[in-house]
Amino acid sequence: MKNRHTDVSACVHCHKCQEHCLFLKKYQMDIGDEDKLKELAYHCFLCGKCTEVCPKGIDGREYILNLRRQQVAEADGRLREKGYGMLLWEKQNYRFRNYRNASSGSLLFPGCNFPSFYPKTTKKLVQLLSETAGIGVAYDCCGKPVAELGLEKQEEQIIRRMDQEMVSRGVTEVIMVCPNCYYFLKPRLSVKVVSIYEKLSELGLGKRIPGGGPVFLPCPDRESRKWLKQMEAFMERPCEPIEQVMCCGLGGCAGAKEPELARELAEKIGRKEPTYVYCASCGGNLTRNGCGDVRHVLAEILETGEQPDTGKSLLNRAKTKWL
């Protein structure tokens, strides 16, 4: 890992970030173009591709996230940007939160998008862990979408509330189904955080699948590839990470500002052969934008064969409140 920083004055305008980012390319900007980026901070997908390729170690993702935080601070803690009303209505104080079946010890945390796109697989996973290991489940949103809008105060409130909920119930381990939830919450919760693939391996559950072939890496796992390695343990053949695409199109809540770019990002996959994912958000958005045969690894190893339910995703998410 490079020594990263957010001092964009170090930018030498080599255009490497622009070459690897459709957003920067569209507006003919580099990560060092401060004035332009301040105006377009909410148009960035926060995928981290610019950070990955910057020869000067500039963390473009963190820099742009800081721009958003600064704008919120200048507006007395309010979000001035339009187009996020529905997101905040649902996720600022998660409307479909449900800890009814949470138990002490290990707790399954499906997040919000996995039950949204893969309700049948969610149901099977919940039953499997409950019957084999007495593991409970909690439905909640990790708070990452709110945090990525620059709403630091609300982010802290979500994390504090969630942590208190788990500690009060005697939870000692949280099993994450979503890599976004995992990487966002792992350094913030006071309880142990593991991936679903770690837990299934530990319990000896889940079918090995032929697998192999193209796999789309979610943004937070691109560097360490920790989840990729754990997931590959369930595949009989090695995976081939898709490297040329920066994001599925859902990152950074930028789709509200750049819907055409969001579609273009997903369309760039454009594969007809099976493409594996291990992030439900990626699976849903790639499918929604015409990417052929998208297969979530959990749906495969649990043998549901479920494809992303893009038509009833909000309804599926809402139903978790009463499960």
C-alpha atoms as a PDB file:
ATOM      1  CA  MET A   1       0.000   0.000   0.000  1.00  0.00           C
ATOM      2  CA  LYS A   2       1.259   3.458  -0.883  1.00  0.00           C
ATOM      3  CA  ASN A   3       1.623   6.197   1.716  1.00  0.00           C
ATOM      4  CA  ARG A   4      -1.652   7.918   0.967  1.00  0.00           C
ATOM      5  CA  HIS A   5      -2.755  11.440   1.718  1.00  0.00           C
ATOM      6  CA  THR A   6      -5.342  14.007   0.657  1.00  0.00           C
ATOM      7  CA  ASP A   7      -2.993  16.831  -0.310  1.00  0.00           C
ATOM      8  CA  VAL A   8      -4.147  17.390  -3.876  1.00  0.00           C
ATOM      9  CA  SER A   9      -1.515  20.093  -4.379  1.00  0.00           C
ATOM     10  CA  ALA A  10       0.829  17.149  -5.013  1.00  0.00           C
ATOM     11  CA  CYS A  11      -1.057  16.374  -8.246  1.00  0.00           C
ATOM     12  CA  VAL A  12       1.219  16.573 -11.309  1.00  0.00           C
ATOM     13  CA  HIS A  13      -1.707  16.320 -13.769  1.00  0.00           C
ATOM     14  CA  CYS A  14      -0.391  13.157 -15.404  1.00  0.00           C
ATOM     15  CA  HIS A  15      -4.058  12.341 -16.212  1.00  0.00           C
ATOM     16  CA  LYS A  16      -3.778   8.739 -14.969  1.00  0.00           C
ATOM     17  CA  CYS A  17      -6.824   9.219 -12.733  1.00  0.00           C
ATOM     18  CA  GLN A  18      -8.754  10.739 -15.638  1.00  0.00           C
ATOM     19  CA  GLU A  19      -7.830   7.815 -17.895  1.00  0.00           C
ATOM     20  CA  HIS A  20      -9.305   5.342 -15.388  1.00  0.00           C
ATOM     21  CA  CYS A  21     -12.425   7.244 -14.319  1.00  0.00           C
ATOM     22  CA  LEU A  22     -15.438   8.018 -16.519  1.00  0.00           C
ATOM     23  CA  PHE A  23     -16.534  10.797 -14.151  1.00  0.00           C
ATOM     24  CA  LEU A  24     -13.191  12.637 -14.291  1.00  0.00           C
ATOM     25  CA  LYS A  25     -12.953  12.029 -18.029  1.00  0.00           C
ATOM     26  CA  LYS A  26     -16.438  13.423 -18.659  1.00  0.00           C
ATOM     27  CA  TYR A  27     -15.520  16.738 -17.030  1.00  0.00           C
ATOM     28  CA  GLN A  28     -11.866  16.742 -18.200  1.00  0.00           C
ATOM     29  CA  MET A  29     -10.549  16.932 -14.627  1.00  0.00           C
ATOM     30  CA  ASP A  30      -7.719  15.467 -12.609  1.00  0.00           C
ATOM     31  CA  ILE A  31      -7.887  14.887  -8.860  1.00  0.00           C
ATOM     32  CA  GLY A  32      -5.867  18.086  -8.444  1.00  0.00           C
ATOM     33  CA  ASP A  33      -8.537  20.315 -10.025  1.00  0.00           C
ATOM     34  CA  GLU A  34      -9.855  21.523  -6.668  1.00  0.00           C
ATOM     35  CA  ASP A  35     -12.317  24.198  -7.766  1.00  0.00           C
ATOM     36  CA  LYS A  36     -14.068  21.963 -10.296  1.00  0.00           C
ATOM     37  CA  LEU A  37     -14.239  19.059  -7.853  1.00  0.00           C
ATOM     38  CA  LYS A  38     -15.842  21.209  -5.171  1.00  0.00           C
ATOM     39  CA  GLU A  39     -18.689  21.907  -7.569  1.00  0.00           C
ATOM     40  CA  LEU A  40     -19.033  18.260  -8.614  1.00  0.00           C
ATOM     41  CA  ALA A  41     -18.231  16.417  -5.382  1.00  0.00           C
ATOM     42  CA  TYR A  42     -21.561  14.567  -5.397  1.00  0.00           C
ATOM     43  CA  HIS A  43     -21.054  13.378  -8.967  1.00  0.00           C
ATOM     44  CA  CYS A  44     -18.160  11.100  -7.940  1.00  0.00           C
ATOM     45  CA  PHE A  45     -18.782   7.368  -7.445  1.00  0.00           C
ATOM     46  CA  LEU A  46     -16.190   7.153  -4.645  1.00  0.00           C
ATOM     47  CA  CYS A  47     -14.899   3.912  -6.145  1.00  0.00           C
ATOM     48  CA  GLY A  48     -11.260   4.662  -5.329  1.00  0.00           C
ATOM     49  CA  LYS A  49      -9.928   3.988  -8.830  1.00  0.00           C
ATOM     50  CA  CYS A  50      -8.157   7.358  -8.849  1.00  0.00           C
ATOM     51  CA  THR A  51      -6.504   6.461  -5.555  1.00  0.00           C
ATOM     52  CA  GLU A  52      -5.398   3.130  -6.953  1.00  0.00           C
ATOM     53  CA  VAL A  53      -3.577   4.606  -9.963  1.00  0.00           C
ATOM     54  CA  CYS A  54      -2.233   7.897  -8.552  1.00  0.00           C
ATOM     55  CA  PRO A  55       1.600   7.914  -8.717  1.00  0.00           C
ATOM     56  CA  LYS A  56       1.737  10.567  -5.989  1.00  0.00           C
ATOM     57  CA  GLY A  57      -0.320   8.592  -3.483  1.00  0.00           C
ATOM     58  CA  ILE A  58      -3.268  11.001  -3.406  1.00  0.00           C
ATOM     59  CA  ASP A  59      -6.341   9.388  -1.864  1.00  0.00           C
ATOM     60  CA  GLY A  60      -8.900  10.859  -4.212  1.00  0.00           C
ATOM     61  CA  ARG A  61     -11.807   8.999  -2.667  1.00  0.00           C
ATOM     62  CA  GLU A  62     -11.116  10.367   0.809  1.00  0.00           C
ATOM     63  CA  TYR A  63     -10.434  13.839  -0.579  1.00  0.00           C
ATOM     64  CA  ILE A  64     -13.798  14.027  -2.344  1.00  0.00           C
ATOM     65  CA  LEU A  65     -15.580  12.555   0.672  1.00  0.00           C
ATOM     66  CA  ASN A  66     -13.981  15.322   2.743  1.00  0.00           C
ATOM     67  CA  LEU A  67     -15.325  17.887   0.262  1.00  0.00           C
ATOM     68  CA  ARG A  68     -18.813  16.543   0.882  1.00  0.00           C
ATOM     69  CA  ARG A  69     -18.315  16.677   4.651  1.00  0.00           C
ATOM     70  CA  GLN A  70     -17.073  20.235   4.361  1.00  0.00           C
ATOM     71  CA  GLN A  71     -20.140  21.291   2.380  1.00  0.00           C
ATOM     72  CA  VAL A  72     -22.435  19.735   4.987  1.00  0.00           C
ATOM     73  CA  ALA A  73     -20.529  21.488   7.786  1.00  0.00           C
ATOM     74  CA  GLU A  74     -20.852  24.826   5.974  1.00  0.00           C
ATOM     75  CA  ALA A  75     -24.625  24.233   5.804  1.00  0.00           C
ATOM     76  CA  ASP A  76     -24.865  23.707   9.594  1.00  0.00           C
ATOM     77  CA  GLY A  77     -25.009  19.923   9.291  1.00  0.00           C
ATOM     78  CA  ARG A  78     -27.620  19.830   6.531  1.00  0.00           C
ATOM     79  CA  LEU A  79     -27.359  18.312   3.069  1.00  0.00           C
ATOM     80  CA  ARG A  80     -27.812  21.053   0.496  1.00  0.00           C
ATOM     81  CA  GLU A  81     -27.674  18.752  -2.509  1.00  0.00           C
ATOM     82  CA  LYS A  82     -31.023  17.766  -4.020  1.00  0.00           C
ATOM     83  CA  GLY A  83     -32.070  14.299  -5.117  1.00  0.00           C
ATOM     84  CA  TYR A  84     -31.403  12.330  -1.918  1.00  0.00           C
ATOM     85  CA  GLY A  85     -34.707  12.777  -0.102  1.00  0.00           C
ATOM     86  CA  MET A  86     -35.891   9.177  -0.522  1.00  0.00           C
ATOM     87  CA  LEU A  87     -32.524   7.771   0.494  1.00  0.00           C
ATOM     88  CA  LEU A  88     -32.452   9.839   3.675  1.00  0.00           C
ATOM     89  CA  TRP A  89     -36.097   9.067   4.455  1.00  0.00           C
ATOM     90  CA  GLU A  90     -35.308   5.367   4.400  1.00  0.00           C
ATOM     91  CA  LYS A  91     -31.764   5.095   5.707  1.00  0.00           C
ATOM     92  CA  GLN A  92     -31.042   7.989   8.061  1.00  0.00           C
ATOM     93  CA  ASN A  93     -33.089   6.175  10.701  1.00  0.00           C
ATOM     94  CA  TYR A  94     -33.521   2.898   8.868  1.00  0.00           C
ATOM     95  CA  ARG A  95     -37.237   2.405   8.308  1.00  0.00           C
ATOM     96  CA  PHE A  96     -37.091  -1.373   8.051  1.00  0.00           C
ATOM     97  CA  ARG A  97     -34.890  -2.069  11.046  1.00  0.00           C
ATOM     98  CA  ASN A  98     -35.734  -5.367  12.778  1.00  0.00           C
ATOM     99  CA  TYR A  99     -33.845  -6.925  15.699  1.00  0.00           C
ATOM    100  CA  ARG A 100     -36.773  -9.132  16.710  1.00  0.00           C
ATOM    101  CA  ASN A 101     -34.868 -12.349  16.032  1.00  0.00           C
ATOM    102  CA  ALA A 102     -31.467 -11.158  17.180  1.00  0.00           C
ATOM    103  CA  SER A 103     -29.816 -13.334  19.798  1.00  0.00           C
ATOM    104  CA  SER A 104     -26.722 -13.275  21.966  1.00  0.00           C
ATOM    105  CA  GLY A 105     -23.478 -14.703  20.623  1.00  0.00           C
ATOM    106  CA  SER A 106     -23.223 -14.768  16.824  1.00  0.00           C
ATOM    107  CA  LEU A 107     -25.594 -12.619  14.785  1.00  0.00           C
ATOM    108  CA  LEU A 108     -26.275 -12.653  11.034  1.00  0.00           C
ATOM    109  CA  PHE A 109     -26.340  -9.171   9.486  1.00  0.00           C
ATOM    110  CA  PRO A 110     -27.647  -9.382   5.877  1.00  0.00           C
ATOM    111  CA  GLY A 111     -27.558  -5.586   5.412  1.00  0.00           C
ATOM    112  CA  CYS A 112     -30.265  -3.914   3.350  1.00  0.00           C
ATOM    113  CA  ASN A 113     -29.430  -4.738  -0.269  1.00  0.00           C
ATOM    114  CA  PHE A 114     -28.925  -8.490  -0.021  1.00  0.00           C
ATOM    115  CA  PRO A 115     -32.501  -9.113   1.243  1.00  0.00           C
ATOM    116  CA  SER A 116     -33.619  -6.544  -1.308  1.00  0.00           C
ATOM    117  CA  PHE A 117     -32.259  -8.366  -4.353  1.00  0.00           C
ATOM    118  CA  TYR A 118     -32.001 -11.935  -3.027  1.00  0.00           C
ATOM    119  CA  PRO A 119     -34.969 -12.533  -0.678  1.00  0.00           C
ATOM    120  CA  LYS A 120     -35.162 -16.314  -1.212  1.00  0.00           C
ATOM    121  CA  THR A 121     -31.448 -16.806  -0.580  1.00  0.00           C
ATOM    122  CA  THR A 122     -31.709 -14.575   2.495  1.00  0.00           C
ATOM    123  CA  LYS A 123     -34.516 -16.740   3.878  1.00  0.00           C
ATOM    124  CA  LYS A 124     -32.580 -19.944   3.267  1.00  0.00           C
ATOM    125  CA  LEU A 125     -29.412 -18.548   4.840  1.00  0.00           C
ATOM    126  CA  VAL A 126     -31.285 -17.349   7.938  1.00  0.00           C
ATOM    127  CA  GLN A 127     -32.913 -20.772   8.380  1.00  0.00           C
ATOM    128  CA  LEU A 128     -29.660 -22.643   7.783  1.00  0.00           C
ATOM    129  CA  LEU A 129     -27.679 -20.706  10.381  1.00  0.00           C
ATOM    130  CA  SER A 130     -30.521 -20.808  12.885  1.00  0.00           C
ATOM    131  CA  GLU A 131     -31.046 -24.564  12.570  1.00  0.00           C
ATOM    132  CA  THR A 132     -27.390 -25.590  12.497  1.00  0.00           C
ATOM    133  CA  ALA A 133     -25.812 -23.107  14.898  1.00  0.00           C
ATOM    134  CA  GLY A 134     -28.604 -21.245  16.717  1.00  0.00           C
ATOM    135  CA  ILE A 135     -27.567 -17.968  15.068  1.00  0.00           C
ATOM    136  CA  GLY A 136     -30.057 -15.093  15.113  1.00  0.00           C
ATOM    137  CA  VAL A 137     -30.552 -12.352  12.543  1.00  0.00           C
ATOM    138  CA  ALA A 138     -30.903  -8.575  12.525  1.00  0.00           C
ATOM    139  CA  TYR A 139     -32.087  -6.482   9.576  1.00  0.00           C
ATOM    140  CA  ASP A 140     -30.530  -3.030   9.463  1.00  0.00           C
ATOM    141  CA  CYS A 141     -28.629  -0.652   7.188  1.00  0.00           C
ATOM    142  CA  CYS A 142     -24.959  -0.186   8.034  1.00  0.00           C
ATOM    143  CA  GLY A 143     -25.159   3.581   7.432  1.00  0.00           C
ATOM    144  CA  LYS A 144     -22.618   3.752   4.633  1.00  0.00           C
ATOM    145  CA  PRO A 145     -24.945   5.562   2.169  1.00  0.00           C
ATOM    146  CA  VAL A 146     -25.591   8.274   4.768  1.00  0.00           C
ATOM    147  CA  ALA A 147     -21.876   8.529   5.568  1.00  0.00           C
ATOM    148  CA  GLU A 148     -20.989   8.873   1.883  1.00  0.00           C
ATOM    149  CA  LEU A 149     -23.229  11.919   1.624  1.00  0.00           C
ATOM    150  CA  GLY A 150     -20.911  13.631   4.092  1.00  0.00           C
ATOM    151  CA  LEU A 151     -23.363  13.542   7.006  1.00  0.00           C
ATOM    152  CA  GLU A 152     -20.838  12.821   9.758  1.00  0.00           C
ATOM    153  CA  LYS A 153     -23.129  13.550  12.718  1.00  0.00           C
ATOM    154  CA  GLN A 154     -25.827  11.231  11.401  1.00  0.00           C
ATOM    155  CA  GLU A 155     -23.181   8.599  10.600  1.00  0.00           C
ATOM    156  CA  GLU A 156     -21.954   8.665  14.203  1.00  0.00           C
ATOM    157  CA  GLN A 157     -25.520   8.376  15.508  1.00  0.00           C
ATOM    158  CA  ILE A 158     -26.206   5.315  13.338  1.00  0.00           C
ATOM    159  CA  ILE A 159     -23.021   3.546  14.420  1.00  0.00           C
ATOM    160  CA  ARG A 160     -23.569   4.356  18.099  1.00  0.00           C
ATOM    161  CA  ARG A 161     -27.175   3.165  18.005  1.00  0.00           C
ATOM    162  CA  MET A 162     -26.247  -0.053  16.200  1.00  0.00           C
ATOM    163  CA  ASP A 163     -23.350  -0.821  18.526  1.00  0.00           C
ATOM    164  CA  GLN A 164     -25.468  -0.228  21.628  1.00  0.00           C
ATOM    165  CA  GLU A 165     -28.201  -2.472  20.205  1.00  0.00           C
ATOM    166  CA  MET A 166     -25.768  -5.336  19.710  1.00  0.00           C
ATOM    167  CA  VAL A 167     -23.930  -4.958  23.003  1.00  0.00           C
ATOM    168  CA  SER A 168     -27.190  -4.779  24.961  1.00  0.00           C
ATOM    169  CA  ARG A 169     -28.283  -8.079  23.399  1.00  0.00           C
ATOM    170  CA  GLY A 170     -25.043  -9.837  24.232  1.00  0.00           C
ATOM    171  CA  VAL A 171     -23.873 -10.097  20.630  1.00  0.00           C
ATOM    172  CA  THR A 172     -20.199 -11.073  20.453  1.00  0.00           C
ATOM    173  CA  GLU A 173     -19.824 -11.680  16.715  1.00  0.00           C
ATOM    174  CA  VAL A 174     -21.526 -10.135  13.685  1.00  0.00           C
ATOM    175  CA  ILE A 175     -21.595 -12.099  10.422  1.00  0.00           C
ATOM    176  CA  MET A 176     -21.670  -9.783   7.421  1.00  0.00           C
ATOM    177  CA  VAL A 177     -23.250 -10.839   4.132  1.00  0.00           C
ATOM    178  CA  CYS A 178     -22.264  -7.613   2.352  1.00  0.00           C
ATOM    179  CA  PRO A 179     -18.624  -6.547   1.802  1.00  0.00           C
ATOM    180  CA  ASN A 180     -19.654  -2.892   2.008  1.00  0.00           C
ATOM    181  CA  CYS A 181     -21.151  -3.440   5.469  1.00  0.00           C
ATOM    182  CA  TYR A 182     -18.084  -5.434   6.487  1.00  0.00           C
ATOM    183  CA  TYR A 183     -15.456  -2.866   5.550  1.00  0.00           C
ATOM    184  CA  PHE A 184     -17.550   0.051   6.800  1.00  0.00           C
ATOM    185  CA  LEU A 185     -18.501  -1.428  10.183  1.00  0.00           C
ATOM    186  CA  LYS A 186     -15.520  -3.606  11.095  1.00  0.00           C
ATOM    187  CA  PRO A 187     -13.369  -0.733  12.441  1.00  0.00           C
ATOM    188  CA  ARG A 188     -16.368   0.960  14.082  1.00  0.00           C
ATOM    189  CA  LEU A 189     -18.194  -1.741  16.051  1.00  0.00           C
ATOM    190  CA  SER A 190     -16.996  -2.953  19.437  1.00  0.00           C
ATOM    191  CA  VAL A 191     -17.911  -6.571  18.602  1.00  0.00           C
ATOM    192  CA  LYS A 192     -16.080  -9.022  16.355  1.00  0.00           C
ATOM    193  CA  VAL A 193     -16.975  -8.753  12.651  1.00  0.00           C
ATOM    194  CA  VAL A 194     -16.558 -11.680  10.213  1.00  0.00           C
ATOM    195  CA  SER A 195     -17.679 -12.430   6.663  1.00  0.00           C
ATOM    196  CA  ILE A 196     -20.361 -14.954   5.770  1.00  0.00           C
ATOM    197  CA  TYR A 197     -17.750 -16.992   3.903  1.00  0.00           C
ATOM    198  CA  GLU A 198     -15.567 -17.249   7.018  1.00  0.00           C
ATOM    199  CA  LYS A 199     -18.558 -18.475   9.027  1.00  0.00           C
ATOM    200  CA  LEU A 200     -19.806 -20.967   6.441  1.00  0.00           C
ATOM    201  CA  SER A 201     -16.297 -22.412   6.137  1.00  0.00           C
ATOM    202  CA  GLU A 202     -16.034 -22.659   9.925  1.00  0.00           C
ATOM    203  CA  LEU A 203     -19.382 -24.486  10.128  1.00  0.00           C
ATOM    204  CA  GLY A 204     -18.703 -26.696   7.104  1.00  0.00           C
ATOM    205  CA  LEU A 205     -21.786 -25.405   5.300  1.00  0.00           C
ATOM    206  CA  GLY A 206     -22.353 -24.550   1.650  1.00  0.00           C
ATOM    207  CA  LYS A 207     -21.882 -26.492  -1.558  1.00  0.00           C
ATOM    208  CA  ARG A 208     -18.715 -26.166  -3.599  1.00  0.00           C
ATOM    209  CA  ILE A 209     -19.583 -24.915  -7.063  1.00  0.00           C
ATOM    210  CA  PRO A 210     -17.815 -25.240 -10.433  1.00  0.00           C
ATOM    211  CA  GLY A 211     -17.372 -21.470 -10.391  1.00  0.00           C
ATOM    212  CA  GLY A 212     -14.329 -19.906 -11.897  1.00  0.00           C
ATOM    213  CA  GLY A 213     -14.532 -17.438 -14.732  1.00  0.00           C
ATOM    214  CA  PRO A 214     -15.156 -13.689 -14.467  1.00  0.00           C
ATOM    215  CA  VAL A 215     -15.872 -12.195 -11.043  1.00  0.00           C
ATOM    216  CA  PHE A 216     -16.774  -8.548 -10.427  1.00  0.00           C
ATOM    217  CA  LEU A 217     -14.940  -7.102  -7.438  1.00  0.00           C
ATOM    218  CA  PRO A 218     -16.888  -4.703  -5.184  1.00  0.00           C
ATOM    219  CA  CYS A 219     -15.073  -1.425  -4.548  1.00  0.00           C
ATOM    220  CA  PRO A 220     -14.073  -1.968  -0.894  1.00  0.00           C
ATOM    221  CA  ASP A 221     -12.510  -5.389  -1.562  1.00  0.00           C
ATOM    222  CA  ARG A 222     -10.359  -4.434  -4.550  1.00  0.00           C
ATOM    223  CA  GLU A 223      -7.203  -3.772  -2.591  1.00  0.00           C
ATOM    224  CA  SER A 224      -6.995  -6.520   0.026  1.00  0.00           C
ATOM    225  CA  ARG A 225      -9.247  -8.988  -1.857  1.00  0.00           C
ATOM    226  CA  LYS A 226      -9.887 -10.659   1.463  1.00  0.00           C
ATOM    227  CA  TRP A 227     -13.475 -11.547   0.607  1.00  0.00           C
ATOM    228  CA  LEU A 228     -12.451 -12.771  -2.835  1.00  0.00           C
ATOM    229  CA  LYS A 229     -10.012 -15.248  -1.290  1.00  0.00           C
ATOM    230  CA  GLN A 230     -12.574 -16.473   1.235  1.00  0.00           C
ATOM    231  CA  MET A 231     -15.260 -16.803  -1.428  1.00  0.00           C
ATOM    232  CA  GLU A 232     -12.944 -18.711  -3.786  1.00  0.00           C
ATOM    233  CA  ALA A 233     -12.699 -21.481  -1.194  1.00  0.00           C
ATOM    234  CA  PHE A 234     -16.181 -22.496  -2.353  1.00  0.00           C
ATOM    235  CA  MET A 235     -15.194 -22.646  -6.034  1.00  0.00           C
ATOM    236  CA  GLU A 236     -13.559 -25.548  -7.789  1.00  0.00           C
ATOM    237  CA  ARG A 237     -11.733 -23.335 -10.260  1.00  0.00           C
ATOM    238  CA  PRO A 238      -9.933 -19.996  -9.809  1.00  0.00           C
ATOM    239  CA  CYS A 239     -11.791 -16.782 -10.528  1.00  0.00           C
ATOM    240  CA  GLU A 240     -10.745 -14.158 -13.051  1.00  0.00           C
ATOM    241  CA  PRO A 241     -11.231 -10.683 -11.511  1.00  0.00           C
ATOM    242  CA  ILE A 242     -12.708  -8.151 -13.927  1.00  0.00           C
ATOM    243  CA  GLU A 243     -10.206  -5.309 -13.724  1.00  0.00           C
ATOM    244  CA  GLN A 244     -11.186  -2.859 -16.441  1.00  0.00           C
ATOM    245  CA  VAL A 245     -14.405  -1.502 -14.917  1.00  0.00           C
ATOM    246  CA  MET A 246     -14.239   1.036 -12.084  1.00  0.00           C
ATOM    247  CA  CYS A 247     -17.635   0.522 -10.401  1.00  0.00           C
ATOM    248  CA  CYS A 248     -21.033  -1.138 -10.807  1.00  0.00           C
ATOM    249  CA  GLY A 249     -22.666   2.306 -10.931  1.00  0.00           C
ATOM    250  CA  LEU A 250     -24.114   2.475  -7.415  1.00  0.00           C
ATOM    251  CA  GLY A 251     -21.067   3.812  -5.593  1.00  0.00           C
ATOM    252  CA  GLY A 252     -20.985   7.109  -3.745  1.00  0.00           C
ATOM    253  CA  CYS A 253     -24.727   7.743  -4.236  1.00  0.00           C
ATOM    254  CA  ALA A 254     -23.622   9.377  -7.495  1.00  0.00           C
ATOM    255  CA  GLY A 255     -26.276   7.764  -9.662  1.00  0.00           C
ATOM    256  CA  ALA A 256     -28.696  10.529  -8.697  1.00  0.00           C
ATOM    257  CA  LYS A 257     -26.383  13.059 -10.364  1.00  0.00           C
ATOM    258  CA  GLU A 258     -24.918  10.917 -13.134  1.00  0.00           C
ATOM    259  CA  PRO A 259     -27.569   8.364 -14.209  1.00  0.00           C
ATOM    260  CA  GLU A 260     -26.102   7.979 -17.694  1.00  0.00           C
ATOM    261  CA  LEU A 261     -22.608   7.341 -16.358  1.00  0.00           C
ATOM    262  CA  ALA A 262     -24.033   4.862 -13.840  1.00  0.00           C
ATOM    263  CA  ARG A 263     -25.648   2.924 -16.665  1.00  0.00           C
ATOM    264  CA  GLU A 264     -22.529   3.105 -18.781  1.00  0.00           C
ATOM    265  CA  LEU A 265     -20.415   1.673 -15.985  1.00  0.00           C
ATOM    266  CA  ALA A 266     -22.691  -1.359 -15.706  1.00  0.00           C
ATOM    267  CA  GLU A 267     -23.052  -1.753 -19.463  1.00  0.00           C
ATOM    268  CA  LYS A 268     -19.282  -1.944 -19.852  1.00  0.00           C
ATOM    269  CA  ILE A 269     -19.411  -5.455 -18.392  1.00  0.00           C
ATOM    270  CA  GLY A 270     -21.851  -6.531 -21.107  1.00  0.00           C
ATOM    271  CA  ARG A 271     -21.020 -10.217 -20.762  1.00  0.00           C
ATOM    272  CA  LYS A 272     -23.202 -13.083 -21.885  1.00  0.00           C
ATOM    273  CA  GLU A 273     -21.280 -15.777 -19.993  1.00  0.00           C
ATOM    274  CA  PRO A 274     -21.814 -16.106 -16.226  1.00  0.00           C
ATOM    275  CA  THR A 275     -20.365 -13.256 -14.184  1.00  0.00           C
ATOM    276  CA  TYR A 276     -19.976 -13.928 -10.478  1.00  0.00           C
ATOM    277  CA  VAL A 277     -20.551 -11.290  -7.823  1.00  0.00           C
ATOM    278  CA  TYR A 278     -20.338 -11.342  -4.031  1.00  0.00           C
ATOM    279  CA  CYS A 279     -21.938  -7.956  -3.472  1.00  0.00           C
ATOM    280  CA  ALA A 280     -25.729  -7.775  -3.824  1.00  0.00           C
ATOM    281  CA  SER A 281     -25.619  -4.112  -4.881  1.00  0.00           C
ATOM    282  CA  CYS A 282     -23.292  -5.007  -7.748  1.00  0.00           C
ATOM    283  CA  GLY A 283     -25.445  -7.969  -8.716  1.00  0.00           C
ATOM    284  CA  GLY A 284     -28.627  -5.929  -8.761  1.00  0.00           C
ATOM    285  CA  ASN A 285     -27.266  -2.948 -10.647  1.00  0.00           C
ATOM    286  CA  LEU A 286     -25.362  -4.985 -13.235  1.00  0.00           C
ATOM    287  CA  THR A 287     -28.510  -7.012 -13.933  1.00  0.00           C
ATOM    288  CA  ARG A 288     -30.676  -3.895 -14.059  1.00  0.00           C
ATOM    289  CA  ASN A 289     -28.412  -2.443 -16.724  1.00  0.00           C
ATOM    290  CA  GLY A 290     -28.270  -5.438 -19.029  1.00  0.00           C
ATOM    291  CA  CYS A 291     -25.277  -7.441 -17.872  1.00  0.00           C
ATOM    292  CA  GLY A 292     -26.195 -10.973 -19.018  1.00  0.00           C
ATOM    293  CA  ASP A 293     -25.969 -13.826 -16.546  1.00  0.00           C
ATOM    294  CA  VAL A 294     -25.067 -12.427 -13.109  1.00  0.00           C
ATOM    295  CA  ARG A 295     -24.684 -15.014 -10.335  1.00  0.00           C
ATOM    296  CA  HIS A 296     -24.245 -14.224  -6.668  1.00  0.00           C
ATOM    297  CA  VAL A 297     -21.901 -16.724  -5.064  1.00  0.00           C
ATOM    298  CA  LEU A 298     -24.150 -17.207  -2.021  1.00  0.00           C
ATOM    299  CA  ALA A 299     -27.124 -18.055  -4.221  1.00  0.00           C
ATOM    300  CA  GLU A 300     -24.936 -20.660  -5.905  1.00  0.00           C
ATOM    301  CA  ILE A 301     -23.423 -22.308  -2.834  1.00  0.00           C
ATOM    302  CA  LEU A 302     -26.839 -22.363  -1.109  1.00  0.00           C
ATOM    303  CA  GLU A 303     -28.358 -23.767  -4.317  1.00  0.00           C
ATOM    304  CA  THR A 304     -31.228 -21.306  -4.684  1.00  0.00           C
ATOM    305  CA  GLY A 305     -30.206 -20.291  -8.210  1.00  0.00           C
ATOM    306  CA  GLU A 306     -31.795 -16.923  -7.467  1.00  0.00           C
ATOM    307  CA  GLN A 307     -31.320 -14.031  -9.866  1.00  0.00           C
ATOM    308  CA  PRO A 308     -31.487 -10.436  -8.571  1.00  0.00           C
ATOM    309  CA  ASP A 309     -35.072  -9.288  -8.082  1.00  0.00           C
ATOM    310  CA  THR A 310     -34.686  -5.802  -9.522  1.00  0.00           C
ATOM    311  CA  GLY A 311     -38.427  -5.245  -9.946  1.00  0.00           C
ATOM    312  CA  LYS A 312     -39.464  -5.600  -6.296  1.00  0.00           C
ATOM    313  CA  SER A 313     -36.257  -4.627  -4.517  1.00  0.00           C
ATOM    314  CA  LEU A 314     -37.817  -1.916  -2.330  1.00  0.00           C
ATOM    315  CA  LEU A 315     -40.781  -4.122  -1.419  1.00  0.00           C
ATOM    316  CA  ASN A 316     -38.447  -6.996  -0.533  1.00  0.00           C
ATOM    317  CA  ARG A 317     -36.446  -4.672   1.681  1.00  0.00           C
ATOM    318  CA  ALA A 318     -39.574  -3.349   3.382  1.00  0.00           C
ATOM    319  CA  LYS A 319     -40.762  -6.864   4.179  1.00  0.00           C
ATOM    320  CA  THR A 320     -37.742  -7.486   6.398  1.00  0.00           C
ATOM    321  CA  LYS A 321     -39.319  -5.234   9.039  1.00  0.00           C
ATOM    322  CA  TRP A 322     -41.904  -7.917   9.768  1.00  0.00           C
ATOM    323  CA  LEU A 323     -39.861 -11.120   9.385  1.00  0.00           C
END
